[in-house]
């Protein structure tokens, strides 16, 4: 897996290093849940490369739960621990978190970084989820965005989309008719347009349509989880369980 980097950091603690090496071996075998468990133990020992690889693993939706905040936290910690790749890209996350990233920059990043095999691009997904949520909160667009997205999703013929809606725990009466409630040019309209543009960009770089839908559902699910409606929602699912 090319995106999971070789270590820039080696722990002087043999136990911590052993956990890291074991985690990397599980990554190479494609056992993401086992990799996550061992990398977490290495990260608890301060392993900078463990933090960096966890940010990628968790941010790419490789395992459940799909936790954008945990992934972002590992990105910050990897940079603070001196991981050069994390430090080099940290400005992207910082810009997303202050709402200063912009949809055009997000789409440009998605196109430049390209497809990540069978996984989602962690940097793009973390920044997208946190940027769109910050934007919704800043401009009071959360309710309209959730209603629009869930109403649109409810018209799908795909069972896994309806399963996602059910996991979000929001009554249909809240979002029914949401497709028709947006005002042209409003903040909510711009957020949903941004989600449309991201989906188009992902299609242009060759992502499978199902994975594109999972990406959009995950971003919307994150917005829901960070809202007052999140108390009834289940954790987001990674590729291992999202389509079940």
Foldseek 3Di string as FASTA:
>chain_A
DVVLDDAPDADPDPQLNVLQVVLVVCVVVLNLVSSLVSLVSSVVVVRLSSLQNQLFSLLFLSFPPNDLVSSLVSLVSSVVSPPVVSVVCVVLQVCLQVLNCDLVNLLVVDLVVFDDPQTHGRSSLSSLLNNLLNLCVVQVNLQLLLLQVLQVLVPDPQPLSVVLSVQLVDDNVSNHVSVVPDDPPGSSNVSVVSLVSNLVSNVVRPHDNVNSVLSSSQSNSSSSCVDPSVVRHDRHHGPVPSRD
